Amino acid sequence: MTVHSEHVDRPRPDEPGEPVSGSRDTVMLAMQRLVSRWAVRDALGASRLFADTVDLWVSPIPRAPWPRAAANPREVESFFIAVTAAVEPVRITARGLVVDRSAAVFMGRMRARVPAGGPLVDHDFVLSIAVDGDLIRQFRLYLDTRLLDAAFAGRNARHIPRVSP
């Protein structure tokens, strides 16, 4: 699994050392950690990046085996377990990162086997997070719903169990 970047908004050289809680650097670091944990299919590691109360929402895909929402870290872990069981990322390419105060929007392209072990599918996605302190409190994932639903309609998709929190 590789993670590549075409363009990522980096901190300015005059910004000092360690990120301050709630700062632009903290938000960028949270996004980087989240995408890294997702890329290596680490559901537990990803869930530990979230606050105790979470507002997680994902574009509705009728045949997708993951929950569309989550409200706490255990449900977030269930979400990532289901996503990584169903979608096997091969490459994530960053197309852009916009950070404003305590929020970040990551635009990317993923090459993945959908369903896991199935054919390669390239699709664009947008991930938006909001951070409180250094923990993610809001997560929005916008996916190519038509393309992924069609991929899950394939014959391999029926072998993926549905996971709910």
N, C-alpha and C. Protein backbone atom coordinates (compact mmCIF):
# COMPACT_ATOMS: atom_id res chain seq x y z
N MET A 1 0.85 -1.16 0.00
CA MET A 1 0.00 0.00 0.00
C MET A 1 0.89 1.23 0.00
N THR A 2 0.64 2.14 -0.90
CA THR A 2 1.42 3.37 -0.96
C THR A 2 0.50 4.57 -0.84
N VAL A 3 1.02 5.61 -0.25
CA VAL A 3 0.30 6.88 -0.16
C VAL A 3 1.15 7.91 -0.87
N HIS A 4 0.59 8.56 -1.88
CA HIS A 4 1.30 9.55 -2.66
C HIS A 4 0.62 10.89 -2.55
N SER A 5 1.36 11.93 -2.83
CA SER A 5 0.80 13.27 -2.76
C SER A 5 1.10 14.03 -4.04
N GLU A 6 0.06 14.61 -4.63
CA GLU A 6 0.25 15.50 -5.77
C GLU A 6 0.40 16.93 -5.27
N HIS A 7 -0.39 17.29 -4.26
CA HIS A 7 -0.31 18.62 -3.66
C HIS A 7 -0.91 18.55 -2.27
N VAL A 8 -0.16 18.95 -1.29
CA VAL A 8 -0.68 19.04 0.07
C VAL A 8 -0.25 20.38 0.62
N ASP A 9 -1.18 21.11 1.21
CA ASP A 9 -0.92 22.40 1.81
C ASP A 9 -0.06 22.18 3.05
N ARG A 10 1.19 22.57 3.02
CA ARG A 10 2.13 22.34 4.11
C ARG A 10 2.24 23.57 5.02
N PRO A 11 2.66 23.36 6.28
CA PRO A 11 2.85 24.51 7.15
C PRO A 11 3.94 25.43 6.62
N ARG A 12 3.80 26.71 6.91
CA ARG A 12 4.83 27.67 6.48
C ARG A 12 6.10 27.44 7.30
N PRO A 13 7.27 27.73 6.71
CA PRO A 13 8.53 27.51 7.42
C PRO A 13 8.65 28.33 8.70
N ASP A 14 7.94 29.48 8.80
CA ASP A 14 8.07 30.32 9.98
C ASP A 14 7.18 29.87 11.14
N GLU A 15 6.41 28.79 10.96
CA GLU A 15 5.59 28.29 12.05
C GLU A 15 6.47 27.47 12.98
N PRO A 16 6.45 27.77 14.28
CA PRO A 16 7.36 27.13 15.22
C PRO A 16 6.99 25.69 15.55
N GLY A 17 8.01 24.94 15.98
CA GLY A 17 8.01 23.58 16.50
C GLY A 17 6.75 22.74 16.59
N GLU A 18 6.45 22.24 17.79
CA GLU A 18 5.35 21.31 18.02
C GLU A 18 4.00 21.96 17.79
N PRO A 19 3.05 21.18 17.25
CA PRO A 19 1.72 21.73 17.03
C PRO A 19 1.03 22.08 18.35
N VAL A 20 0.34 23.20 18.37
CA VAL A 20 -0.44 23.63 19.52
C VAL A 20 -1.81 22.99 19.38
N SER A 21 -2.38 22.48 20.50
CA SER A 21 -3.68 21.84 20.45
C SER A 21 -4.71 22.74 19.78
N GLY A 22 -5.41 22.21 18.77
CA GLY A 22 -6.41 22.98 18.05
C GLY A 22 -5.85 23.86 16.94
N SER A 23 -4.53 23.85 16.76
CA SER A 23 -3.90 24.68 15.73
C SER A 23 -4.01 24.02 14.36
N ARG A 24 -3.66 24.79 13.36
CA ARG A 24 -3.65 24.29 11.98
C ARG A 24 -2.77 23.04 11.86
N ASP A 25 -1.61 23.08 12.50
CA ASP A 25 -0.70 21.93 12.46
C ASP A 25 -1.31 20.70 13.12
N THR A 26 -2.03 20.90 14.23
CA THR A 26 -2.68 19.79 14.92
C THR A 26 -3.71 19.13 14.01
N VAL A 27 -4.48 19.95 13.31
CA VAL A 27 -5.51 19.44 12.40
C VAL A 27 -4.86 18.67 11.25
N MET A 28 -3.79 19.22 10.69
CA MET A 28 -3.07 18.53 9.60
C MET A 28 -2.51 17.20 10.09
N LEU A 29 -1.96 17.19 11.30
CA LEU A 29 -1.41 15.97 11.86
C LEU A 29 -2.50 14.92 12.08
N ALA A 30 -3.66 15.35 12.57
CA ALA A 30 -4.79 14.42 12.76
C ALA A 30 -5.20 13.80 11.43
N MET A 31 -5.28 14.62 10.39
CA MET A 31 -5.65 14.10 9.07
C MET A 31 -4.59 13.12 8.56
N GLN A 32 -3.32 13.49 8.71
CA GLN A 32 -2.24 12.61 8.26
C GLN A 32 -2.29 11.27 8.99
N ARG A 33 -2.48 11.30 10.29
CA ARG A 33 -2.55 10.06 11.07
C ARG A 33 -3.75 9.21 10.66
N LEU A 34 -4.88 9.87 10.44
CA LEU A 34 -6.09 9.14 10.05
C LEU A 34 -5.91 8.45 8.71
N VAL A 35 -5.43 9.17 7.72
CA VAL A 35 -5.23 8.57 6.39
C VAL A 35 -4.18 7.46 6.46
N SER A 36 -3.14 7.66 7.25
CA SER A 36 -2.11 6.62 7.40
C SER A 36 -2.67 5.36 8.04
N ARG A 37 -3.46 5.50 9.09
CA ARG A 37 -4.06 4.34 9.76
C ARG A 37 -5.02 3.62 8.81
N TRP A 38 -5.78 4.39 8.04
CA TRP A 38 -6.73 3.82 7.08
C TRP A 38 -5.96 3.06 6.00
N ALA A 39 -4.88 3.64 5.51
CA ALA A 39 -4.10 3.04 4.42
C ALA A 39 -3.52 1.69 4.81
N VAL A 40 -3.15 1.53 6.07
CA VAL A 40 -2.57 0.25 6.51
C VAL A 40 -3.62 -0.65 7.17
N ARG A 41 -4.89 -0.24 7.06
CA ARG A 41 -6.02 -1.03 7.54
C ARG A 41 -5.99 -1.26 9.05
N ASP A 42 -5.61 -0.23 9.80
CA ASP A 42 -5.53 -0.29 11.26
C ASP A 42 -6.78 0.34 11.86
N ALA A 43 -7.84 -0.45 12.02
CA ALA A 43 -9.12 0.06 12.53
C ALA A 43 -9.00 0.56 13.97
N LEU A 44 -8.30 -0.19 14.82
CA LEU A 44 -8.15 0.22 16.21
C LEU A 44 -7.35 1.51 16.30
N GLY A 45 -6.25 1.59 15.56
CA GLY A 45 -5.43 2.81 15.56
C GLY A 45 -6.20 4.01 15.07
N ALA A 46 -7.02 3.82 14.03
CA ALA A 46 -7.84 4.92 13.52
C ALA A 46 -8.86 5.35 14.57
N SER A 47 -9.50 4.40 15.24
CA SER A 47 -10.53 4.74 16.22
C SER A 47 -9.97 5.52 17.40
N ARG A 48 -8.72 5.31 17.73
CA ARG A 48 -8.09 6.02 18.86
C ARG A 48 -7.83 7.50 18.56
N LEU A 49 -8.00 7.90 17.31
CA LEU A 49 -7.81 9.30 16.93
C LEU A 49 -9.08 10.12 17.15
N PHE A 50 -10.18 9.46 17.57
CA PHE A 50 -11.48 10.11 17.69
C PHE A 50 -11.82 10.44 19.14
N ALA A 51 -12.59 11.52 19.31
CA ALA A 51 -13.08 11.94 20.62
C ALA A 51 -14.12 10.93 21.13
N ASP A 52 -14.48 11.03 22.41
CA ASP A 52 -15.47 10.12 23.00
C ASP A 52 -16.84 10.25 22.35
N THR A 53 -17.18 11.46 21.92
CA THR A 53 -18.43 11.70 21.20
C THR A 53 -18.07 12.09 19.78
N VAL A 54 -18.57 11.34 18.81
CA VAL A 54 -18.19 11.50 17.41
C VAL A 54 -19.43 11.69 16.56
N ASP A 55 -19.28 12.48 15.52
CA ASP A 55 -20.33 12.62 14.51
C ASP A 55 -19.71 12.14 13.19
N LEU A 56 -19.89 10.85 12.89
CA LEU A 56 -19.33 10.24 11.68
C LEU A 56 -20.46 9.98 10.70
N TRP A 57 -20.26 10.39 9.46
CA TRP A 57 -21.24 10.17 8.40
C TRP A 57 -20.50 9.82 7.12
N VAL A 58 -21.08 8.88 6.35
CA VAL A 58 -20.49 8.45 5.09
C VAL A 58 -21.59 8.48 4.02
N SER A 59 -21.20 8.84 2.79
CA SER A 59 -22.16 8.81 1.68
C SER A 59 -22.88 7.47 1.66
N PRO A 60 -24.20 7.48 1.55
CA PRO A 60 -24.93 6.21 1.53
C PRO A 60 -24.70 5.43 0.23
N ILE A 61 -24.23 4.21 0.39
CA ILE A 61 -24.04 3.28 -0.73
C ILE A 61 -24.88 2.05 -0.39
N PRO A 62 -25.96 1.81 -1.11
CA PRO A 62 -26.90 0.74 -0.74
C PRO A 62 -26.27 -0.62 -0.44
N ARG A 63 -25.30 -1.06 -1.23
CA ARG A 63 -24.74 -2.41 -1.04
C ARG A 63 -23.47 -2.42 -0.17
N ALA A 64 -23.04 -1.29 0.30
CA ALA A 64 -21.83 -1.24 1.13
C ALA A 64 -22.10 -1.90 2.48
N PRO A 65 -21.16 -2.71 2.96
CA PRO A 65 -21.37 -3.45 4.20
C PRO A 65 -21.03 -2.69 5.48
N TRP A 66 -20.71 -1.42 5.38
CA TRP A 66 -20.35 -0.67 6.58
C TRP A 66 -21.50 0.22 7.04
N PRO A 67 -21.49 0.57 8.34
CA PRO A 67 -22.51 1.49 8.84
C PRO A 67 -22.32 2.88 8.25
N ARG A 68 -23.39 3.63 8.12
CA ARG A 68 -23.34 4.97 7.53
C ARG A 68 -23.05 6.05 8.55
N ALA A 69 -23.11 5.69 9.82
CA ALA A 69 -22.90 6.69 10.88
C ALA A 69 -22.27 6.00 12.09
N ALA A 70 -21.62 6.81 12.93
CA ALA A 70 -21.05 6.31 14.18
C ALA A 70 -21.05 7.46 15.18
N ALA A 71 -21.14 7.12 16.47
CA ALA A 71 -21.24 8.15 17.50
C ALA A 71 -20.16 8.06 18.58
N ASN A 72 -19.35 6.99 18.57
CA ASN A 72 -18.29 6.85 19.58
C ASN A 72 -17.14 6.03 18.99
N PRO A 73 -16.00 6.00 19.68
CA PRO A 73 -14.83 5.31 19.12
C PRO A 73 -15.05 3.82 18.81
N ARG A 74 -15.86 3.10 19.61
CA ARG A 74 -16.13 1.69 19.31
C ARG A 74 -16.86 1.54 17.98
N GLU A 75 -17.84 2.44 17.75
CA GLU A 75 -18.57 2.41 16.49
C GLU A 75 -17.67 2.82 15.33
N VAL A 76 -16.74 3.74 15.59
CA VAL A 76 -15.77 4.14 14.57
C VAL A 76 -14.89 2.94 14.22
N GLU A 77 -14.46 2.20 15.24
CA GLU A 77 -13.64 1.01 14.99
C GLU A 77 -14.43 0.00 14.14
N SER A 78 -15.70 -0.22 14.47
CA SER A 78 -16.55 -1.12 13.67
C SER A 78 -16.64 -0.65 12.23
N PHE A 79 -16.78 0.66 12.06
CA PHE A 79 -16.84 1.24 10.72
C PHE A 79 -15.57 0.91 9.93
N PHE A 80 -14.40 1.16 10.53
CA PHE A 80 -13.14 0.92 9.83
C PHE A 80 -12.88 -0.58 9.61
N ILE A 81 -13.32 -1.43 10.53
CA ILE A 81 -13.20 -2.88 10.31
C ILE A 81 -13.99 -3.27 9.07
N ALA A 82 -15.21 -2.77 8.98
CA ALA A 82 -16.07 -3.10 7.83
C ALA A 82 -15.51 -2.53 6.53
N VAL A 83 -15.05 -1.29 6.57
CA VAL A 83 -14.50 -0.66 5.36
C VAL A 83 -13.27 -1.43 4.88
N THR A 84 -12.37 -1.75 5.79
CA THR A 84 -11.14 -2.42 5.38
C THR A 84 -11.37 -3.88 4.99
N ALA A 85 -12.46 -4.48 5.46
CA ALA A 85 -12.81 -5.84 5.02
C ALA A 85 -13.40 -5.82 3.62
N ALA A 86 -14.03 -4.71 3.26
CA ALA A 86 -14.73 -4.62 1.98
C ALA A 86 -13.91 -3.95 0.88
N VAL A 87 -13.05 -3.02 1.27
CA VAL A 87 -12.26 -2.25 0.30
C VAL A 87 -10.79 -2.42 0.65
N GLU A 88 -10.03 -2.98 -0.26
CA GLU A 88 -8.61 -3.23 -0.05
C GLU A 88 -7.80 -2.16 -0.78
N PRO A 89 -7.38 -1.10 -0.04
CA PRO A 89 -6.65 -0.02 -0.71
C PRO A 89 -5.29 -0.49 -1.22
N VAL A 90 -4.97 -0.07 -2.42
CA VAL A 90 -3.67 -0.35 -3.02
C VAL A 90 -2.84 0.93 -3.06
N ARG A 91 -3.53 2.05 -3.30
CA ARG A 91 -2.83 3.33 -3.40
C ARG A 91 -3.82 4.45 -3.08
N ILE A 92 -3.35 5.41 -2.28
CA ILE A 92 -4.12 6.62 -2.02
C ILE A 92 -3.26 7.79 -2.48
N THR A 93 -3.81 8.60 -3.35
CA THR A 93 -3.10 9.77 -3.86
C THR A 93 -3.78 11.02 -3.33
N ALA A 94 -3.01 11.87 -2.66
CA ALA A 94 -3.55 13.14 -2.17
C ALA A 94 -3.62 14.12 -3.32
N ARG A 95 -4.77 14.73 -3.50
CA ARG A 95 -4.94 15.75 -4.53
C ARG A 95 -4.95 17.14 -3.92
N GLY A 96 -5.22 17.22 -2.64
CA GLY A 96 -5.22 18.51 -1.98
C GLY A 96 -5.66 18.39 -0.54
N LEU A 97 -5.23 19.35 0.26
CA LEU A 97 -5.61 19.42 1.66
C LEU A 97 -5.84 20.88 1.99
N VAL A 98 -7.01 21.18 2.50
CA VAL A 98 -7.34 22.54 2.91
C VAL A 98 -7.60 22.50 4.41
N VAL A 99 -6.94 23.38 5.14
CA VAL A 99 -7.11 23.45 6.59
C VAL A 99 -7.56 24.86 6.95
N ASP A 100 -8.61 24.94 7.76
CA ASP A 100 -9.11 26.22 8.24
C ASP A 100 -9.53 26.06 9.69
N ARG A 101 -8.82 26.73 10.57
CA ARG A 101 -9.06 26.64 12.01
C ARG A 101 -9.00 25.19 12.47
N SER A 102 -10.13 24.64 12.95
CA SER A 102 -10.12 23.28 13.50
C SER A 102 -10.64 22.24 12.51
N ALA A 103 -10.73 22.58 11.24
CA ALA A 103 -11.27 21.65 10.24
C ALA A 103 -10.29 21.45 9.09
N ALA A 104 -10.40 20.28 8.46
CA ALA A 104 -9.57 19.98 7.29
C ALA A 104 -10.40 19.21 6.28
N VAL A 105 -10.12 19.46 5.01
CA VAL A 105 -10.76 18.73 3.91
C VAL A 105 -9.64 18.15 3.06
N PHE A 106 -9.67 16.83 2.91
CA PHE A 106 -8.66 16.08 2.14
C PHE A 106 -9.34 15.57 0.87
N MET A 107 -8.78 15.93 -0.27
CA MET A 107 -9.29 15.44 -1.55
C MET A 107 -8.31 14.41 -2.07
N GLY A 108 -8.80 13.23 -2.40
CA GLY A 108 -7.89 12.19 -2.83
C GLY A 108 -8.48 11.26 -3.87
N ARG A 109 -7.62 10.40 -4.34
CA ARG A 109 -8.02 9.35 -5.29
C ARG A 109 -7.47 8.05 -4.74
N MET A 110 -8.32 7.03 -4.75
CA MET A 110 -7.92 5.74 -4.21
C MET A 110 -8.02 4.68 -5.31
N ARG A 111 -7.00 3.86 -5.37
CA ARG A 111 -7.05 2.63 -6.18
C ARG A 111 -7.19 1.51 -5.15
N ALA A 112 -8.24 0.72 -5.33
CA ALA A 112 -8.53 -0.32 -4.35
C ALA A 112 -9.18 -1.51 -5.03
N ARG A 113 -9.08 -2.65 -4.37
CA ARG A 113 -9.82 -3.83 -4.81
C ARG A 113 -11.18 -3.77 -4.13
N VAL A 114 -12.23 -3.69 -4.96
CA VAL A 114 -13.59 -3.56 -4.44
C VAL A 114 -14.46 -4.57 -5.14
N PRO A 115 -15.07 -5.50 -4.40
CA PRO A 115 -14.83 -5.77 -3.00
C PRO A 115 -13.42 -6.31 -2.78
N ALA A 116 -13.00 -6.39 -1.52
CA ALA A 116 -11.65 -6.85 -1.21
C ALA A 116 -11.37 -8.16 -1.96
N GLY A 117 -10.23 -8.21 -2.62
CA GLY A 117 -9.87 -9.37 -3.42
C GLY A 117 -10.45 -9.34 -4.82
N GLY A 118 -11.30 -8.37 -5.09
CA GLY A 118 -11.95 -8.25 -6.40
C GLY A 118 -11.14 -7.40 -7.36
N PRO A 119 -11.81 -6.88 -8.38
CA PRO A 119 -11.12 -6.07 -9.38
C PRO A 119 -10.68 -4.71 -8.84
N LEU A 120 -9.65 -4.15 -9.47
CA LEU A 120 -9.18 -2.82 -9.09
C LEU A 120 -10.17 -1.76 -9.56
N VAL A 121 -10.43 -0.81 -8.68
CA VAL A 121 -11.33 0.30 -8.97
C VAL A 121 -10.62 1.59 -8.56
N ASP A 122 -10.63 2.58 -9.43
CA ASP A 122 -10.10 3.90 -9.10
C ASP A 122 -11.28 4.81 -8.83
N HIS A 123 -11.24 5.51 -7.70
CA HIS A 123 -12.33 6.43 -7.39
C HIS A 123 -11.83 7.62 -6.57
N ASP A 124 -12.48 8.74 -6.80
CA ASP A 124 -12.17 9.96 -6.05
C ASP A 124 -12.99 9.96 -4.77
N PHE A 125 -12.45 10.63 -3.76
CA PHE A 125 -13.18 10.79 -2.51
C PHE A 125 -12.78 12.10 -1.85
N VAL A 126 -13.61 12.55 -0.95
CA VAL A 126 -13.32 13.74 -0.15
C VAL A 126 -13.57 13.36 1.30
N LEU A 127 -12.62 13.67 2.15
CA LEU A 127 -12.72 13.39 3.58
C LEU A 127 -12.62 14.71 4.33
N SER A 128 -13.60 14.98 5.16
CA SER A 128 -13.63 16.20 5.95
C SER A 128 -13.63 15.82 7.43
N ILE A 129 -12.76 16.47 8.21
CA ILE A 129 -12.74 16.23 9.66
C ILE A 129 -12.76 17.56 10.39
N ALA A 130 -13.26 17.52 11.61
CA ALA A 130 -13.16 18.65 12.54
C ALA A 130 -12.52 18.10 13.80
N VAL A 131 -11.61 18.87 14.37
CA VAL A 131 -10.82 18.42 15.50
C VAL A 131 -11.12 19.28 16.72
N ASP A 132 -11.20 18.63 17.87
CA ASP A 132 -11.36 19.32 19.14
C ASP A 132 -10.16 18.91 19.99
N GLY A 133 -9.31 19.88 20.33
CA GLY A 133 -8.04 19.54 20.97
C GLY A 133 -7.18 18.86 19.93
N ASP A 134 -6.87 17.58 20.14
CA ASP A 134 -6.14 16.84 19.11
C ASP A 134 -6.90 15.58 18.67
N LEU A 135 -8.20 15.53 19.01
CA LEU A 135 -9.02 14.38 18.64
C LEU A 135 -10.09 14.77 17.62
N ILE A 136 -10.39 13.84 16.74
CA ILE A 136 -11.39 14.08 15.70
C ILE A 136 -12.78 13.96 16.31
N ARG A 137 -13.60 14.99 16.13
CA ARG A 137 -14.97 14.96 16.65
C ARG A 137 -16.01 14.86 15.55
N GLN A 138 -15.60 15.20 14.32
CA GLN A 138 -16.52 15.09 13.19
C GLN A 138 -15.77 14.51 11.99
N PHE A 139 -16.44 13.60 11.27
CA PHE A 139 -15.86 12.88 10.14
C PHE A 139 -16.93 12.79 9.07
N ARG A 140 -16.62 13.26 7.87
CA ARG A 140 -17.52 13.16 6.72
C ARG A 140 -16.72 12.56 5.57
N LEU A 141 -17.24 11.48 4.99
CA LEU A 141 -16.56 10.82 3.88
C LEU A 141 -17.51 10.80 2.68
N TYR A 142 -17.11 11.51 1.63
CA TYR A 142 -17.91 11.60 0.41
C TYR A 142 -17.26 10.71 -0.65
N LEU A 143 -18.02 9.71 -1.09
CA LEU A 143 -17.50 8.70 -2.01
C LEU A 143 -18.24 8.74 -3.34
N ASP A 144 -17.67 8.09 -4.34
CA ASP A 144 -18.33 7.92 -5.63
C ASP A 144 -19.36 6.81 -5.45
N THR A 145 -20.55 7.18 -5.05
CA THR A 145 -21.56 6.20 -4.66
C THR A 145 -21.99 5.29 -5.80
N ARG A 146 -22.14 5.83 -6.97
CA ARG A 146 -22.59 5.02 -8.12
C ARG A 146 -21.54 3.96 -8.47
N LEU A 147 -20.28 4.37 -8.55
CA LEU A 147 -19.21 3.45 -8.92
C LEU A 147 -19.05 2.35 -7.87
N LEU A 148 -19.03 2.72 -6.59
CA LEU A 148 -18.82 1.72 -5.54
C LEU A 148 -20.03 0.80 -5.39
N ASP A 149 -21.23 1.33 -5.54
CA ASP A 149 -22.41 0.47 -5.46
C ASP A 149 -22.37 -0.57 -6.58
N ALA A 150 -21.97 -0.15 -7.77
CA ALA A 150 -21.86 -1.09 -8.89
C ALA A 150 -20.80 -2.16 -8.59
N ALA A 151 -19.68 -1.75 -7.97
CA ALA A 151 -18.63 -2.71 -7.62
C ALA A 151 -19.14 -3.73 -6.60
N PHE A 152 -19.92 -3.26 -5.62
CA PHE A 152 -20.46 -4.17 -4.61
C PHE A 152 -21.57 -5.06 -5.15
N ALA A 153 -22.13 -4.71 -6.28
CA ALA A 153 -23.18 -5.53 -6.90
C ALA A 153 -22.59 -6.77 -7.56
N GLY A 154 -21.26 -6.78 -7.74
CA GLY A 154 -20.59 -7.93 -8.36
C GLY A 154 -20.74 -9.19 -7.54
N ARG A 155 -20.38 -10.32 -8.12
CA ARG A 155 -20.59 -11.62 -7.48
C ARG A 155 -19.79 -11.81 -6.19
N ASN A 156 -18.62 -11.16 -6.05
CA ASN A 156 -17.82 -11.32 -4.83
C ASN A 156 -18.42 -10.59 -3.64
N ALA A 157 -19.26 -9.61 -3.88
CA ALA A 157 -19.78 -8.77 -2.81
C ALA A 157 -20.64 -9.54 -1.82
N ARG A 158 -21.32 -10.57 -2.25
CA ARG A 158 -22.23 -11.27 -1.34
C ARG A 158 -21.48 -11.99 -0.22
N HIS A 159 -20.19 -12.16 -0.34
CA HIS A 159 -19.40 -12.84 0.69
C HIS A 159 -18.90 -11.89 1.78
N ILE A 160 -19.22 -10.62 1.66
CA ILE A 160 -18.78 -9.64 2.65
C ILE A 160 -19.89 -9.47 3.68
N PRO A 161 -19.65 -9.86 4.94
CA PRO A 161 -20.70 -9.71 5.95
C PRO A 161 -20.91 -8.24 6.31
N ARG A 162 -22.15 -7.89 6.58
CA ARG A 162 -22.47 -6.54 7.02
C ARG A 162 -22.00 -6.37 8.46
N VAL A 163 -21.44 -5.22 8.78
CA VAL A 163 -21.01 -4.92 10.14
C VAL A 163 -21.79 -3.72 10.61
N SER A 164 -22.34 -3.80 11.80
CA SER A 164 -23.01 -2.63 12.37
C SER A 164 -22.47 -2.42 13.77
N PRO A 165 -22.46 -1.17 14.23
CA PRO A 165 -21.91 -0.88 15.56
C PRO A 165 -22.75 -1.47 16.66
